[in-house]
Amino acid sequence: MENSTSVQRLFFKYVKEGLPSHLSLVDEVAELLHISNDSAYRRIRGSKEISFDEIRTLCAHFRISLDQLFHLQSDNIIFWGKFINDTDFNFDDYVTDILRQLTYINSFTEREMLLMSKDIPIFHYFNFPELAAFKCFFWMKTILQYPLFSRQRFAVDDFIGPRIQTFNRIVGEYNRLPSLEIWDEDSIHATIRQIQYYKETKEFASVQEMEKVYECLHRTVDHIEAQAELGCKFSPGEHAKGAPLKFYINEFMLGDNTYLACINDKKLIFLNHSVLNTIRTKDACFTGDTYEHFRNIISKSTQISGVGEKERRRFFNTIREKIESSRKG
């Protein structure tokens, strides 16, 4: 009995460690299991045995692997995520989920996001709604082949609309989150190729719409460089300093769209696949191995945030030249 009680307490300790600080473990357990707070507390304390059905409910909600909890030797890694398709995909839900994840990470006292991306990290697009609108339109029309956009050409004002408020909230949350970003000169290529493709296939509603996107891409690069120079985040046109930003460039390792959130003593990984789909895991072995991979790449990279003015200017000037080459081509 004592062993089972200890295991039960360990289970709830693990659940609590994954909860944002403003949430009550007792309240969450009571709500999920449809029991009173007193009954929830007795289960947490170990004075009442928890059932297998209750364990299953809690594990499913909090994304807990029992293999991981009990340190069982297993080759299984638990991921979760939702596949995006052209039938039931809702773009507003997609950006709202980005906001939800950032808010969740920021609910922890100790937090940092590590990014190694083969494209400009998605959060930067939302600083300039015109660019965010283009990227989202491209994903929905050309990648997902969303029927609604099959005959539509891109115009900025048609796509921003009421989404601007969510875009701004995403920027606000990301600016509160300390981050470390690893880039290479190819990080700009995906966006440039997408603009070039629409330019060649005449998917812009007008030349003026295309120029708006190129201009916003330039402004995005300028703003990222300004943040790297100061080593902190801030919104365009604002002087208030946000969370620290460590910016590294790597000349030999291509990014793979891995985002790793360190929250208190736990880690959460977001893996991007098939352009828009994302899977997530808290598996300790997987996140630990990925964290060590980040550390290895960082040790072979050059920091250009707050230091390395010459390298920083060279890097961002090279990116601007790539944009202008596409623009004039």
Protein backbone atom coordinates (compact mmCIF):
# COMPACT_ATOMS: atom_id res chain seq x y z
CA MET A 1 0.00 0.00 0.00
CA GLU A 2 2.83 2.37 0.87
CA ASN A 3 4.47 1.81 -2.53
CA SER A 4 1.25 2.50 -4.42
CA THR A 5 0.69 5.66 -2.35
CA SER A 6 4.21 6.87 -3.16
CA VAL A 7 3.68 6.22 -6.87
CA GLN A 8 0.39 8.10 -6.75
CA ARG A 9 2.02 11.09 -5.08
CA LEU A 10 4.80 10.97 -7.68
CA PHE A 11 2.22 11.00 -10.43
CA PHE A 12 0.51 14.12 -9.10
CA LYS A 13 3.87 15.79 -8.46
CA TYR A 14 4.65 15.25 -12.14
CA VAL A 15 1.27 16.71 -13.14
CA LYS A 16 1.80 19.77 -10.93
CA GLU A 17 5.25 20.48 -12.42
CA GLY A 18 3.63 20.86 -15.83
CA LEU A 19 0.96 23.29 -14.64
CA PRO A 20 1.31 27.06 -15.06
CA SER A 21 1.84 28.72 -11.69
CA HIS A 22 -1.54 30.47 -11.72
CA LEU A 23 -3.48 27.20 -11.95
CA SER A 24 -4.46 25.11 -8.94
CA LEU A 25 -3.72 21.39 -9.14
CA VAL A 26 -6.72 20.59 -6.93
CA ASP A 27 -9.07 22.67 -9.08
CA GLU A 28 -7.78 21.15 -12.32
CA VAL A 29 -8.04 17.56 -11.09
CA ALA A 30 -11.50 18.13 -9.63
CA GLU A 31 -12.79 19.61 -12.88
CA LEU A 32 -11.28 16.92 -15.11
CA LEU A 33 -12.49 14.01 -12.97
CA HIS A 34 -15.85 15.63 -12.13
CA ILE A 35 -15.29 15.27 -8.41
CA SER A 36 -15.24 17.64 -5.45
CA ASN A 37 -12.12 19.54 -4.45
CA ASP A 38 -11.97 17.48 -1.26
CA SER A 39 -12.00 14.22 -3.27
CA ALA A 40 -9.33 15.61 -5.58
CA TYR A 41 -7.15 16.59 -2.63
CA ARG A 42 -7.43 13.10 -1.09
CA ARG A 43 -6.25 11.56 -4.37
CA ILE A 44 -3.36 14.02 -4.62
CA ARG A 45 -2.34 13.31 -1.02
CA GLY A 46 -2.62 9.55 -1.60
CA SER A 47 -5.26 8.85 1.01
CA LYS A 48 -7.69 7.69 -1.68
CA GLU A 49 -6.54 5.40 -4.47
CA ILE A 50 -6.88 6.72 -8.00
CA SER A 51 -8.51 4.47 -10.60
CA PHE A 52 -7.06 3.46 -13.97
CA ASP A 53 -9.80 5.39 -15.76
CA GLU A 54 -8.89 8.52 -13.80
CA ILE A 55 -5.20 8.03 -14.61
CA ARG A 56 -6.08 7.68 -18.29
CA THR A 57 -8.14 10.89 -18.20
CA LEU A 58 -5.34 12.87 -16.54
CA CYS A 59 -2.61 11.43 -18.75
CA ALA A 60 -4.59 12.27 -21.89
CA HIS A 61 -5.25 15.84 -20.78
CA PHE A 62 -1.76 16.64 -19.48
CA ARG A 63 0.08 14.66 -22.21
CA ILE A 64 1.87 12.38 -19.75
CA SER A 65 3.67 9.20 -20.77
CA LEU A 66 3.66 6.56 -18.03
CA ASP A 67 6.84 5.07 -19.55
CA GLN A 68 8.54 8.39 -18.94
CA LEU A 69 7.02 8.85 -15.48
CA PHE A 70 8.20 5.47 -14.21
CA HIS A 71 11.49 5.55 -16.18
CA LEU A 72 10.59 2.42 -18.11
CA GLN A 73 12.96 1.41 -20.89
CA SER A 74 11.03 1.95 -24.11
CA ASP A 75 11.74 3.08 -27.65
CA ASN A 76 8.35 4.79 -27.78
CA ILE A 77 8.13 8.58 -27.79
CA ILE A 78 4.77 10.22 -27.19
CA PHE A 79 3.93 13.09 -29.56
CA TRP A 80 0.65 14.88 -30.03
CA GLY A 81 -0.70 17.27 -32.63
CA LYS A 82 -3.46 17.85 -35.14
CA PHE A 83 -3.07 17.36 -38.88
CA ILE A 84 -4.05 20.28 -41.08
CA ASN A 85 -6.01 19.62 -44.26
CA ASP A 86 -8.05 21.49 -46.84
CA THR A 87 -11.46 20.48 -45.50
CA ASP A 88 -11.68 21.33 -41.80
CA PHE A 89 -8.72 23.69 -41.38
CA ASN A 90 -9.58 27.01 -39.78
CA PHE A 91 -6.84 29.61 -40.11
CA ASP A 92 -8.11 31.69 -37.22
CA ASP A 93 -7.90 28.61 -34.98
CA TYR A 94 -4.35 28.07 -36.22
CA VAL A 95 -3.08 31.53 -35.21
CA THR A 96 -5.09 31.39 -32.00
CA ASP A 97 -3.28 28.16 -31.10
CA ILE A 98 0.07 29.92 -31.66
CA LEU A 99 -1.07 32.60 -29.23
CA ARG A 100 -2.28 29.95 -26.75
CA GLN A 101 1.06 28.14 -26.76
CA LEU A 102 3.05 31.36 -26.22
CA THR A 103 0.74 32.36 -23.38
CA TYR A 104 1.18 28.93 -21.79
CA ILE A 105 4.98 29.12 -21.96
CA ASN A 106 4.97 32.67 -20.56
CA SER A 107 2.92 31.48 -17.57
CA PHE A 108 6.09 29.90 -16.14
CA THR A 109 8.58 31.87 -14.07
CA GLU A 110 11.65 30.37 -15.75
CA ARG A 111 11.28 30.15 -19.50
CA GLU A 112 13.23 30.36 -22.73
CA MET A 113 12.54 29.43 -26.35
CA LEU A 114 15.31 27.96 -28.50
CA LEU A 115 14.71 28.11 -32.25
CA MET A 116 16.56 26.57 -35.16
CA SER A 117 14.51 27.35 -38.24
CA LYS A 118 14.97 26.84 -41.96
CA ASP A 119 12.64 29.77 -42.55
CA ILE A 120 12.20 33.07 -40.71
CA PRO A 121 10.64 32.04 -37.38
CA ILE A 122 6.90 32.52 -37.72
CA PHE A 123 6.62 34.98 -34.81
CA HIS A 124 8.55 37.66 -36.71
CA TYR A 125 5.96 37.82 -39.49
CA PHE A 126 3.33 39.15 -37.14
CA ASN A 127 5.29 42.37 -36.56
CA PHE A 128 4.25 43.38 -40.07
CA PRO A 129 0.69 42.21 -40.84
CA GLU A 130 1.14 42.58 -44.61
CA LEU A 131 3.90 39.95 -44.60
CA ALA A 132 1.98 37.71 -42.19
CA ALA A 133 -1.03 37.96 -44.50
CA PHE A 134 1.03 36.94 -47.52
CA LYS A 135 2.61 33.95 -45.77
CA CYS A 136 -0.74 32.72 -44.51
CA PHE A 137 -2.41 33.21 -47.91
CA PHE A 138 0.42 31.29 -49.59
CA TRP A 139 0.12 28.39 -47.16
CA MET A 140 -3.64 28.15 -47.59
CA LYS A 141 -3.84 28.62 -51.37
CA THR A 142 -0.67 26.95 -52.62
CA ILE A 143 0.26 24.40 -49.95
CA LEU A 144 -3.17 23.35 -48.68
CA GLN A 145 -4.98 24.21 -51.92
CA TYR A 146 -7.82 25.61 -49.88
CA PRO A 147 -10.88 25.72 -52.22
CA LEU A 148 -11.95 29.19 -51.09
CA PHE A 149 -8.74 30.69 -52.51
CA SER A 150 -8.50 28.69 -55.74
CA ARG A 151 -9.42 31.64 -57.98
CA GLN A 152 -8.32 34.43 -55.67
CA ARG A 153 -5.17 36.49 -56.12
CA PHE A 154 -3.35 37.96 -53.16
CA ALA A 155 -4.28 41.41 -51.90
CA VAL A 156 -3.19 42.50 -48.42
CA ASP A 157 -6.44 44.12 -47.27
CA ASP A 158 -8.52 41.09 -48.22
CA PHE A 159 -6.71 38.87 -45.74
CA ILE A 160 -5.74 40.94 -42.69
CA GLY A 161 -9.18 42.11 -41.53
CA PRO A 162 -10.07 41.19 -37.94
CA ARG A 163 -6.94 39.04 -37.56
CA ILE A 164 -4.81 42.10 -36.80
CA GLN A 165 -5.72 41.94 -33.10
CA THR A 166 -4.56 38.33 -32.79
CA PHE A 167 -1.39 39.16 -34.73
CA ASN A 168 -0.60 41.96 -32.26
CA ARG A 169 -1.24 39.72 -29.27
CA ILE A 170 1.14 37.09 -30.67
CA VAL A 171 3.83 39.77 -31.02
CA GLY A 172 3.19 40.90 -27.44
CA GLU A 173 3.54 37.38 -26.02
CA TYR A 174 6.64 36.60 -28.08
CA ASN A 175 8.28 39.83 -26.94
CA ARG A 176 7.83 38.65 -23.34
CA LEU A 177 9.55 35.33 -24.00
CA PRO A 178 13.37 35.14 -23.70
CA SER A 179 14.64 33.48 -26.87
CA LEU A 180 17.71 32.12 -28.58
CA GLU A 181 17.55 31.95 -32.38
CA ILE A 182 19.99 30.19 -34.69
CA TRP A 183 19.94 31.38 -38.30
CA ASP A 184 21.91 30.83 -41.46
CA GLU A 185 21.92 32.79 -44.72
CA ASP A 186 19.41 30.35 -46.24
CA SER A 187 16.79 31.18 -43.58
CA ILE A 188 15.41 33.87 -45.90
CA HIS A 189 15.21 31.65 -48.99
CA ALA A 190 11.81 30.06 -48.39
CA THR A 191 10.01 33.40 -48.19
CA ILE A 192 11.90 34.83 -51.18
CA ARG A 193 11.05 31.78 -53.28
CA GLN A 194 7.38 32.06 -52.33
CA ILE A 195 7.22 35.72 -53.38
CA GLN A 196 9.11 34.92 -56.57
CA TYR A 197 6.71 32.11 -57.38
CA TYR A 198 3.68 34.38 -57.04
CA LYS A 199 5.48 37.03 -59.05
CA GLU A 200 6.07 34.62 -61.93
CA THR A 201 2.61 33.03 -61.82
CA LYS A 202 0.86 36.39 -61.44
CA GLU A 203 -0.83 35.47 -58.19
CA PHE A 204 -0.52 39.03 -56.84
CA ALA A 205 -3.60 41.16 -57.42
CA SER A 206 -1.30 43.94 -58.68
CA VAL A 207 2.34 44.97 -58.87
CA GLN A 208 1.64 47.30 -55.95
CA GLU A 209 0.56 44.35 -53.78
CA MET A 210 3.79 42.53 -54.62
CA GLU A 211 5.83 45.62 -53.72
CA LYS A 212 4.06 45.82 -50.36
CA VAL A 213 5.25 42.30 -49.55
CA TYR A 214 8.84 42.96 -50.63
CA GLU A 215 8.86 46.18 -48.61
CA CYS A 216 7.55 44.40 -45.53
CA LEU A 217 10.17 41.69 -45.89
CA HIS A 218 12.84 44.40 -45.91
CA ARG A 219 11.29 46.02 -42.84
CA THR A 220 11.15 42.65 -41.09
CA VAL A 221 14.86 42.07 -41.68
CA ASP A 222 15.67 45.62 -40.53
CA HIS A 223 13.66 45.12 -37.36
CA ILE A 224 15.24 41.75 -36.56
CA GLU A 225 18.69 43.33 -37.01
CA ALA A 226 17.75 46.18 -34.66
CA GLN A 227 16.67 43.66 -32.01
CA ALA A 228 19.86 41.65 -32.49
CA GLU A 229 21.90 44.82 -32.06
CA LEU A 230 20.30 45.59 -28.69
CA GLY A 231 19.99 41.94 -27.66
CA CYS A 232 16.32 42.27 -26.74
CA LYS A 233 12.87 42.21 -28.31
CA PHE A 234 10.60 45.15 -28.99
CA SER A 235 7.80 46.03 -31.37
CA PRO A 236 8.40 48.20 -34.46
CA GLY A 237 8.29 51.88 -33.59
CA GLU A 238 8.49 51.23 -29.84
CA HIS A 239 11.40 51.87 -27.50
CA ALA A 240 10.32 49.72 -24.55
CA LYS A 241 12.67 46.78 -24.20
CA GLY A 242 11.18 43.33 -23.91
CA ALA A 243 12.69 39.92 -23.20
CA PRO A 244 16.32 39.10 -24.04
CA LEU A 245 17.08 37.89 -27.57
CA LYS A 246 20.24 35.90 -28.24
CA PHE A 247 20.92 35.71 -31.96
CA TYR A 248 23.42 33.28 -33.52
CA ILE A 249 24.45 32.56 -37.10
CA ASN A 250 25.69 29.19 -38.23
CA GLU A 251 27.52 28.64 -41.51
CA PHE A 252 27.38 24.85 -41.83
CA MET A 253 24.17 23.59 -40.20
CA LEU A 254 20.82 24.10 -41.91
CA GLY A 255 17.86 24.71 -39.63
CA ASP A 256 15.14 22.06 -39.31
CA ASN A 257 12.23 24.00 -37.80
CA THR A 258 12.73 22.79 -34.24
CA TYR A 259 11.38 24.95 -31.43
CA LEU A 260 12.35 23.97 -27.88
CA ALA A 261 10.70 25.62 -24.88
CA CYS A 262 12.50 25.36 -21.52
CA ILE A 263 9.91 25.92 -18.78
CA ASN A 264 11.14 25.66 -15.20
CA ASP A 265 12.94 22.29 -15.10
CA LYS A 266 10.92 20.78 -17.97
CA LYS A 267 11.22 21.01 -21.74
CA LEU A 268 8.63 21.03 -24.51
CA ILE A 269 9.46 20.54 -28.18
CA PHE A 270 7.50 21.70 -31.22
CA LEU A 271 8.50 19.94 -34.45
CA ASN A 272 7.23 21.38 -37.71
CA HIS A 273 6.53 18.97 -40.57
CA SER A 274 4.71 19.09 -43.91
CA VAL A 275 4.96 22.90 -43.92
CA LEU A 276 2.15 23.73 -41.48
CA ASN A 277 1.73 20.67 -39.26
CA THR A 278 3.28 20.63 -35.81
CA ILE A 279 3.77 17.78 -33.36
CA ARG A 280 4.79 18.24 -29.73
CA THR A 281 6.42 16.18 -27.03
CA LYS A 282 7.56 16.48 -23.43
CA ASP A 283 9.46 13.18 -23.53
CA ALA A 284 12.47 13.69 -21.25
CA CYS A 285 14.91 11.62 -23.32
CA PHE A 286 13.93 13.24 -26.60
CA THR A 287 13.88 16.79 -25.26
CA GLY A 288 17.15 16.23 -23.41
CA ASP A 289 18.88 14.90 -26.52
CA THR A 290 17.53 17.80 -28.59
CA TYR A 291 18.70 20.30 -25.98
CA GLU A 292 22.22 18.86 -26.15
CA HIS A 293 22.05 19.14 -29.96
CA PHE A 294 21.19 22.82 -29.58
CA ARG A 295 24.12 23.33 -27.23
CA ASN A 296 26.45 21.65 -29.72
CA ILE A 297 25.24 23.86 -32.59
CA ILE A 298 25.48 26.99 -30.43
CA SER A 299 29.10 26.16 -29.58
CA LYS A 300 29.87 26.12 -33.31
CA SER A 301 27.93 29.31 -34.09
CA THR A 302 28.72 33.02 -33.92
CA GLN A 303 26.74 35.25 -31.59
CA ILE A 304 25.77 38.56 -33.21
CA SER A 305 23.32 39.90 -30.63
CA GLY A 306 24.79 42.70 -28.54
CA VAL A 307 28.25 41.86 -29.89
CA GLY A 308 29.89 41.08 -33.24
CA GLU A 309 28.86 44.27 -35.06
CA LYS A 310 30.93 43.45 -38.16
CA GLU A 311 29.49 39.94 -38.51
CA ARG A 312 25.99 41.19 -37.78
CA ARG A 313 26.12 43.84 -40.52
CA ARG A 314 27.63 41.42 -43.01
CA PHE A 315 24.95 38.83 -42.31
CA PHE A 316 21.94 41.15 -42.63
CA ASN A 317 23.40 42.99 -45.63
CA THR A 318 23.75 39.63 -47.38
CA ILE A 319 20.10 38.89 -46.68
CA ARG A 320 19.04 42.31 -48.03
CA GLU A 321 21.01 41.66 -51.21
CA LYS A 322 19.13 38.39 -51.68
CA ILE A 323 15.81 40.20 -51.32
CA GLU A 324 16.77 42.95 -53.77
CA SER A 325 18.07 40.40 -56.28
CA SER A 326 14.66 38.72 -56.25
CA ARG A 327 12.83 42.03 -56.34
CA LYS A 328 14.68 43.28 -59.44
CA GLY A 329 14.91 39.91 -61.17
